[in-house]
Every structure is written in C-alpha cells, then in structure tokens.
C-alpha cells in the first residue's frame, strides 16, 4: 500500500489542498494532512485496479496432466 507510486499519486490527488494549506494558508495543515491520508487508500485501490488490468495471463503451454500423451 505504501509504494512510491501510490504515495505520489495520493500527493497529486491532494496537491490543491496541500497548496492551500502550505502556500495560501487558507485552510489548516491538519485538514490537508487528513485529506492526504484519505487519498492514500483511494490511490492504492485505483492503482491496484490498473495493475490487475494490465497483468498478462500466463503463457505456460504445457498441457494438463490428463491430456499429455503416454510414453
């Protein structure tokens, strides 16, 4: 869950909030931190779905034991 790609994606999701908290100072830092912490599992789920969709099926071409010719 704490892969670099997940943390980077969560940071991108929470970037406007972080900007408002750290630069503009229109919201509190605690609010920005909470929104970042909420974005971490959301990013993990979204990236997990992308990873599972991009997985290639196994290319094992050996037939099952029942279909192998006997010697």
PDB file of N, CA and C in Angstrom:
ATOM      1  N   UNK A   1       0.827  -1.198   0.000  1.00  0.00           N
ATOM      2  CA  UNK A   1       0.000   0.000   0.000  1.00  0.00           C
ATOM      3  C   UNK A   1       0.864   1.250   0.000  1.00  0.00           C
ATOM      4  N   UNK A   2       2.048   1.184   0.556  1.00  0.00           N
ATOM      5  CA  UNK A   2       2.894   2.366   0.644  1.00  0.00           C
ATOM      6  C   UNK A   2       3.991   2.343  -0.409  1.00  0.00           C
ATOM      7  N   UNK A   3       3.659   1.936  -1.607  1.00  0.00           N
ATOM      8  CA  UNK A   3       4.607   2.016  -2.702  1.00  0.00           C
ATOM      9  C   UNK A   3       4.807   3.470  -3.074  1.00  0.00           C
ATOM     10  N   UNK A   4       5.902   3.738  -3.703  1.00  0.00           N
ATOM     11  CA  UNK A   4       6.189   5.107  -4.113  1.00  0.00           C
ATOM     12  C   UNK A   4       5.168   5.652  -5.085  1.00  0.00           C
ATOM     13  N   UNK A   5       4.706   4.784  -5.985  1.00  0.00           N
ATOM     14  CA  UNK A   5       3.722   5.235  -6.966  1.00  0.00           C
ATOM     15  C   UNK A   5       2.399   5.596  -6.297  1.00  0.00           C
ATOM     16  N   UNK A   6       2.025   4.865  -5.260  1.00  0.00           N
ATOM     17  CA  UNK A   6       0.778   5.160  -4.544  1.00  0.00           C
ATOM     18  C   UNK A   6       0.903   6.481  -3.805  1.00  0.00           C
ATOM     19  N   UNK A   7       2.021   6.688  -3.145  1.00  0.00           N
ATOM     20  CA  UNK A   7       2.204   7.942  -2.410  1.00  0.00           C
ATOM     21  C   UNK A   7       2.277   9.143  -3.347  1.00  0.00           C
ATOM     22  N   UNK A   8       2.917   8.963  -4.496  1.00  0.00           N
ATOM     23  CA  UNK A   8       2.997  10.049  -5.470  1.00  0.00           C
ATOM     24  C   UNK A   8       1.617  10.367  -6.045  1.00  0.00           C
ATOM     25  N   UNK A   9       0.858   9.346  -6.349  1.00  0.00           N
ATOM     26  CA  UNK A   9      -0.484   9.555  -6.877  1.00  0.00           C
ATOM     27  C   UNK A   9      -1.382  10.223  -5.826  1.00  0.00           C
ATOM     28  N   UNK A  10      -1.265   9.805  -4.570  1.00  0.00           N
ATOM     29  CA  UNK A  10      -2.045  10.428  -3.499  1.00  0.00           C
ATOM     30  C   UNK A  10      -1.633  11.879  -3.308  1.00  0.00           C
ATOM     31  N   UNK A  11      -0.359  12.156  -3.453  1.00  0.00           N
ATOM     32  CA  UNK A  11       0.106  13.540  -3.350  1.00  0.00           C
ATOM     33  C   UNK A  11      -0.449  14.390  -4.485  1.00  0.00           C
ATOM     34  N   UNK A  12      -0.539  13.810  -5.675  1.00  0.00           N
ATOM     35  CA  UNK A  12      -1.140  14.531  -6.795  1.00  0.00           C
ATOM     36  C   UNK A  12      -2.625  14.783  -6.567  1.00  0.00           C
ATOM     37  N   UNK A  13      -3.314  13.803  -5.987  1.00  0.00           N
ATOM     38  CA  UNK A  13      -4.736  13.984  -5.678  1.00  0.00           C
ATOM     39  C   UNK A  13      -4.930  15.090  -4.647  1.00  0.00           C
ATOM     40  N   UNK A  14      -4.032  15.170  -3.678  1.00  0.00           N
ATOM     41  CA  UNK A  14      -4.175  16.128  -2.589  1.00  0.00           C
ATOM     42  C   UNK A  14      -3.371  17.406  -2.817  1.00  0.00           C
ATOM     43  N   UNK A  15      -2.806  17.576  -3.982  1.00  0.00           N
ATOM     44  CA  UNK A  15      -1.961  18.737  -4.250  1.00  0.00           C
ATOM     45  C   UNK A  15      -2.678  20.077  -4.089  1.00  0.00           C
ATOM     46  N   UNK A  16      -3.895  20.239  -4.577  1.00  0.00           N
ATOM     47  CA  UNK A  16      -4.556  21.535  -4.360  1.00  0.00           C
ATOM     48  C   UNK A  16      -4.762  21.853  -2.879  1.00  0.00           C
ATOM     49  N   UNK A  17      -5.097  20.837  -2.106  1.00  0.00           N
ATOM     50  CA  UNK A  17      -5.291  21.040  -0.672  1.00  0.00           C
ATOM     51  C   UNK A  17      -3.973  21.369   0.012  1.00  0.00           C
ATOM     52  N   UNK A  18      -2.916  20.682  -0.395  1.00  0.00           N
ATOM     53  CA  UNK A  18      -1.607  20.973   0.179  1.00  0.00           C
ATOM     54  C   UNK A  18      -1.172  22.406  -0.160  1.00  0.00           C
ATOM     55  N   UNK A  19      -1.464  22.829  -1.380  1.00  0.00           N
ATOM     56  CA  UNK A  19      -1.126  24.187  -1.783  1.00  0.00           C
ATOM     57  C   UNK A  19      -1.874  25.201  -0.920  1.00  0.00           C
ATOM     58  N   UNK A  20      -3.160  24.956  -0.723  1.00  0.00           N
ATOM     59  CA  UNK A  20      -3.953  25.873   0.092  1.00  0.00           C
ATOM     60  C   UNK A  20      -3.466  25.917   1.538  1.00  0.00           C
ATOM     61  N   UNK A  21      -2.981  24.797   2.036  1.00  0.00           N
ATOM     62  CA  UNK A  21      -2.534  24.757   3.426  1.00  0.00           C
ATOM     63  C   UNK A  21      -1.143  25.334   3.607  1.00  0.00           C
ATOM     64  N   UNK A  22      -0.237  25.042   2.689  1.00  0.00           N
ATOM     65  CA  UNK A  22       1.162  25.423   2.886  1.00  0.00           C
ATOM     66  C   UNK A  22       1.531  26.768   2.270  1.00  0.00           C
ATOM     67  N   UNK A  23       0.895  27.150   1.171  1.00  0.00           N
ATOM     68  CA  UNK A  23       1.266  28.380   0.486  1.00  0.00           C
ATOM     69  C   UNK A  23       0.237  29.484   0.752  1.00  0.00           C
ATOM     70  N   UNK A  24      -1.006  29.212   0.402  1.00  0.00           N
ATOM     71  CA  UNK A  24      -2.048  30.226   0.586  1.00  0.00           C
ATOM     72  C   UNK A  24      -2.456  30.388   2.050  1.00  0.00           C
ATOM     73  N   UNK A  25      -2.321  29.336   2.802  1.00  0.00           N
ATOM     74  CA  UNK A  25      -2.705  29.269   4.216  1.00  0.00           C
ATOM     75  C   UNK A  25      -4.174  29.641   4.417  1.00  0.00           C
ATOM     76  N   UNK A  26      -5.026  29.136   3.517  1.00  0.00           N
ATOM     77  CA  UNK A  26      -6.459  29.365   3.643  1.00  0.00           C
ATOM     78  C   UNK A  26      -7.158  28.246   4.400  1.00  0.00           C
ATOM     79  N   UNK A  27      -6.516  27.091   4.503  1.00  0.00           N
ATOM     80  CA  UNK A  27      -7.041  26.004   5.326  1.00  0.00           C
ATOM     81  C   UNK A  27      -5.926  25.534   6.247  1.00  0.00           C
ATOM     82  N   UNK A  28      -6.287  24.752   7.234  1.00  0.00           N
ATOM     83  CA  UNK A  28      -5.278  24.304   8.202  1.00  0.00           C
ATOM     84  C   UNK A  28      -4.448  23.150   7.631  1.00  0.00           C
ATOM     85  N   UNK A  29      -3.270  22.994   8.182  1.00  0.00           N
ATOM     86  CA  UNK A  29      -2.379  21.913   7.761  1.00  0.00           C
ATOM     87  C   UNK A  29      -2.971  20.562   8.155  1.00  0.00           C
ATOM     88  N   UNK A  30      -3.673  20.506   9.272  1.00  0.00           N
ATOM     89  CA  UNK A  30      -4.302  19.259   9.715  1.00  0.00           C
ATOM     90  C   UNK A  30      -5.342  18.789   8.708  1.00  0.00           C
ATOM     91  N   UNK A  31      -6.118  19.719   8.164  1.00  0.00           N
ATOM     92  CA  UNK A  31      -7.119  19.365   7.160  1.00  0.00           C
ATOM     93  C   UNK A  31      -6.446  18.815   5.908  1.00  0.00           C
ATOM     94  N   UNK A  32      -5.372  19.436   5.495  1.00  0.00           N
ATOM     95  CA  UNK A  32      -4.642  18.958   4.321  1.00  0.00           C
ATOM     96  C   UNK A  32      -4.047  17.574   4.579  1.00  0.00           C
ATOM     97  N   UNK A  33      -3.548  17.346   5.768  1.00  0.00           N
ATOM     98  CA  UNK A  33      -2.985  16.039   6.111  1.00  0.00           C
ATOM     99  C   UNK A  33      -4.065  14.965   6.114  1.00  0.00           C
ATOM    100  N   UNK A  34      -5.224  15.281   6.657  1.00  0.00           N
ATOM    101  CA  UNK A  34      -6.325  14.314   6.672  1.00  0.00           C
ATOM    102  C   UNK A  34      -6.746  13.985   5.251  1.00  0.00           C
ATOM    103  N   UNK A  35      -6.830  14.989   4.396  1.00  0.00           N
ATOM    104  CA  UNK A  35      -7.215  14.732   3.002  1.00  0.00           C
ATOM    105  C   UNK A  35      -6.156  13.909   2.284  1.00  0.00           C
ATOM    106  N   UNK A  36      -4.893  14.126   2.595  1.00  0.00           N
ATOM    107  CA  UNK A  36      -3.829  13.304   2.013  1.00  0.00           C
ATOM    108  C   UNK A  36      -3.947  11.858   2.492  1.00  0.00           C
ATOM    109  N   UNK A  37      -4.216  11.674   3.779  1.00  0.00           N
ATOM    110  CA  UNK A  37      -4.347  10.319   4.323  1.00  0.00           C
ATOM    111  C   UNK A  37      -5.566   9.598   3.755  1.00  0.00           C
ATOM    112  N   UNK A  38      -6.601  10.340   3.418  1.00  0.00           N
ATOM    113  CA  UNK A  38      -7.754   9.731   2.758  1.00  0.00           C
ATOM    114  C   UNK A  38      -7.405   9.367   1.318  1.00  0.00           C
ATOM    115  N   UNK A  39      -6.574  10.155   0.676  1.00  0.00           N
ATOM    116  CA  UNK A  39      -6.204   9.910  -0.719  1.00  0.00           C
ATOM    117  C   UNK A  39      -5.287   8.699  -0.878  1.00  0.00           C
ATOM    118  N   UNK A  40      -4.572   8.307   0.167  1.00  0.00           N
ATOM    119  CA  UNK A  40      -3.638   7.176   0.048  1.00  0.00           C
ATOM    120  C   UNK A  40      -4.369   5.866  -0.256  1.00  0.00           C
ATOM    121  N   UNK A  41      -5.384   5.448   0.520  1.00  0.00           N
ATOM    122  CA  UNK A  41      -6.049   4.194   0.141  1.00  0.00           C
ATOM    123  C   UNK A  41      -6.822   4.287  -1.178  1.00  0.00           C
ATOM    124  N   UNK A  42      -7.344   5.469  -1.493  1.00  0.00           N
ATOM    125  CA  UNK A  42      -8.032   5.640  -2.777  1.00  0.00           C
ATOM    126  C   UNK A  42      -7.048   5.433  -3.918  1.00  0.00           C
ATOM    127  N   UNK A  43      -5.874   6.018  -3.811  1.00  0.00           N
ATOM    128  CA  UNK A  43      -4.850   5.839  -4.844  1.00  0.00           C
ATOM    129  C   UNK A  43      -4.391   4.390  -4.914  1.00  0.00           C
ATOM    130  N   UNK A  44      -4.284   3.725  -3.767  1.00  0.00           N
ATOM    131  CA  UNK A  44      -3.859   2.323  -3.756  1.00  0.00           C
ATOM    132  C   UNK A  44      -4.877   1.444  -4.471  1.00  0.00           C
ATOM    133  N   UNK A  45      -6.153   1.700  -4.246  1.00  0.00           N
ATOM    134  CA  UNK A  45      -7.190   0.909  -4.911  1.00  0.00           C
ATOM    135  C   UNK A  45      -7.189   1.170  -6.414  1.00  0.00           C
ATOM    136  N   UNK A  46      -7.107   2.432  -6.799  1.00  0.00           N
ATOM    137  CA  UNK A  46      -7.118   2.759  -8.224  1.00  0.00           C
ATOM    138  C   UNK A  46      -5.904   2.185  -8.954  1.00  0.00           C
ATOM    139  N   UNK A  47      -4.733   2.325  -8.357  1.00  0.00           N
ATOM    140  CA  UNK A  47      -3.538   1.771  -8.999  1.00  0.00           C
ATOM    141  C   UNK A  47      -3.537   0.248  -8.976  1.00  0.00           C
ATOM    142  N   UNK A  48      -4.120  -0.350  -7.941  1.00  0.00           N
ATOM    143  CA  UNK A  48      -4.255  -1.804  -7.903  1.00  0.00           C
ATOM    144  C   UNK A  48      -5.162  -2.312  -9.010  1.00  0.00           C
ATOM    145  N   UNK A  49      -6.231  -1.576  -9.294  1.00  0.00           N
ATOM    146  CA  UNK A  49      -7.110  -1.954 -10.399  1.00  0.00           C
ATOM    147  C   UNK A  49      -6.385  -1.844 -11.737  1.00  0.00           C
ATOM    148  N   UNK A  50      -5.598  -0.804 -11.892  1.00  0.00           N
ATOM    149  CA  UNK A  50      -4.832  -0.649 -13.135  1.00  0.00           C
ATOM    150  C   UNK A  50      -3.800  -1.764 -13.263  1.00  0.00           C
ATOM    151  N   UNK A  51      -3.113  -2.090 -12.170  1.00  0.00           N
ATOM    152  CA  UNK A  51      -2.114  -3.168 -12.216  1.00  0.00           C
ATOM    153  C   UNK A  51      -2.754  -4.505 -12.561  1.00  0.00           C
ATOM    154  N   UNK A  52      -3.906  -4.798 -11.956  1.00  0.00           N
ATOM    155  CA  UNK A  52      -4.553  -6.079 -12.227  1.00  0.00           C
ATOM    156  C   UNK A  52      -5.092  -6.137 -13.656  1.00  0.00           C
ATOM    157  N   UNK A  53      -5.519  -5.004 -14.192  1.00  0.00           N
ATOM    158  CA  UNK A  53      -5.996  -4.984 -15.576  1.00  0.00           C
ATOM    159  C   UNK A  53      -4.850  -5.144 -16.562  1.00  0.00           C
ATOM    160  N   UNK A  54      -3.675  -4.701 -16.190  1.00  0.00           N
ATOM    161  CA  UNK A  54      -2.533  -4.761 -17.103  1.00  0.00           C
ATOM    162  C   UNK A  54      -1.732  -6.060 -16.992  1.00  0.00           C
ATOM    163  N   UNK A  55      -2.039  -6.911 -16.021  1.00  0.00           N
ATOM    164  CA  UNK A  55      -1.328  -8.182 -15.889  1.00  0.00           C
ATOM    165  C   UNK A  55      -1.615  -9.058 -17.094  1.00  0.00           C
ATOM    166  N   UNK A  56      -0.572  -9.650 -17.622  1.00  0.00           N
ATOM    167  CA  UNK A  56      -0.730 -10.551 -18.753  1.00  0.00           C
ATOM    168  C   UNK A  56      -0.998 -11.956 -18.223  1.00  0.00           C
ATOM    169  N   UNK A  57      -1.835 -12.714 -18.908  1.00  0.00           N
ATOM    170  CA  UNK A  57      -2.078 -14.085 -18.465  1.00  0.00           C
ATOM    171  C   UNK A  57      -0.828 -14.941 -18.675  1.00  0.00           C
ATOM    172  N   UNK A  58      -0.783 -16.022 -17.978  1.00  0.00           N
ATOM    173  CA  UNK A  58       0.363 -16.920 -18.068  1.00  0.00           C
ATOM    174  C   UNK A  58       0.452 -17.513 -19.467  1.00  0.00           C
ATOM    175  N   UNK A  59       1.673 -17.649 -19.962  1.00  0.00           N
ATOM    176  CA  UNK A  59       1.882 -18.220 -21.294  1.00  0.00           C
ATOM    177  C   UNK A  59       2.415 -19.639 -21.195  1.00  0.00           C
ATOM    178  N   UNK A  60       2.075 -20.334 -20.134  1.00  0.00           N
ATOM    179  CA  UNK A  60       2.503 -21.715 -19.949  1.00  0.00           C
ATOM    180  C   UNK A  60       1.740 -22.596 -20.942  1.00  0.00           C
ATOM    181  N   UNK A  61       2.471 -23.244 -21.861  1.00  0.00           N
ATOM    182  CA  UNK A  61       1.813 -24.018 -22.916  1.00  0.00           C
ATOM    183  C   UNK A  61       1.854 -25.518 -22.652  1.00  0.00           C
ATOM    184  N   UNK A  62       2.284 -25.941 -21.509  1.00  0.00           N
ATOM    185  CA  UNK A  62       2.285 -27.376 -21.238  1.00  0.00           C
ATOM    186  C   UNK A  62       0.855 -27.821 -20.967  1.00  0.00           C
ATOM    187  N   UNK A  63       0.409 -28.870 -21.628  1.00  0.00           N
ATOM    188  CA  UNK A  63      -0.973 -29.323 -21.421  1.00  0.00           C
ATOM    189  C   UNK A  63      -1.143 -29.914 -20.026  1.00  0.00           C
ATOM    190  N   UNK A  64      -2.359 -29.923 -19.534  1.00  0.00           N
ATOM    191  CA  UNK A  64      -2.599 -30.542 -18.224  1.00  0.00           C
ATOM    192  C   UNK A  64      -2.234 -32.019 -18.250  1.00  0.00           C
ATOM    193  N   UNK A  65      -2.079 -32.614 -17.079  1.00  0.00           N
ATOM    194  CA  UNK A  65      -1.617 -33.982 -16.942  1.00  0.00           C
ATOM    195  C   UNK A  65      -2.551 -34.972 -17.673  1.00  0.00           C
ATOM    196  N   UNK A  66      -3.831 -34.714 -17.719  1.00  0.00           N
ATOM    197  CA  UNK A  66      -4.768 -35.645 -18.361  1.00  0.00           C
ATOM    198  C   UNK A  66      -4.582 -35.677 -19.872  1.00  0.00           C
ATOM    199  N   UNK A  67      -4.111 -34.604 -20.471  1.00  0.00           N
ATOM    200  CA  UNK A  67      -4.010 -34.518 -21.919  1.00  0.00           C
ATOM    201  C   UNK A  67      -2.629 -34.882 -22.455  1.00  0.00           C
ATOM    202  N   UNK A  68      -1.672 -35.134 -21.585  1.00  0.00           N
ATOM    203  CA  UNK A  68      -0.338 -35.491 -22.051  1.00  0.00           C
ATOM    204  C   UNK A  68      -0.349 -36.905 -22.637  1.00  0.00           C
ATOM    205  N   UNK A  69       0.321 -37.083 -23.750  1.00  0.00           N
ATOM    206  CA  UNK A  69       0.379 -38.463 -24.317  1.00  0.00           C
ATOM    207  C   UNK A  69       1.263 -39.347 -23.440  1.00  0.00           C
ATOM    208  N   UNK A  70       0.860 -40.594 -23.321  1.00  0.00           N
ATOM    209  CA  UNK A  70       1.638 -41.541 -22.516  1.00  0.00           C
ATOM    210  C   UNK A  70       2.756 -42.118 -23.364  1.00  0.00           C
ATOM    211  N   UNK A  71       3.862 -42.444 -22.709  1.00  0.00           N
ATOM    212  CA  UNK A  71       5.024 -42.977 -23.423  1.00  0.00           C
ATOM    213  C   UNK A  71       5.035 -44.450 -23.385  1.00  0.00           C
TER     214      UNK A  71
END
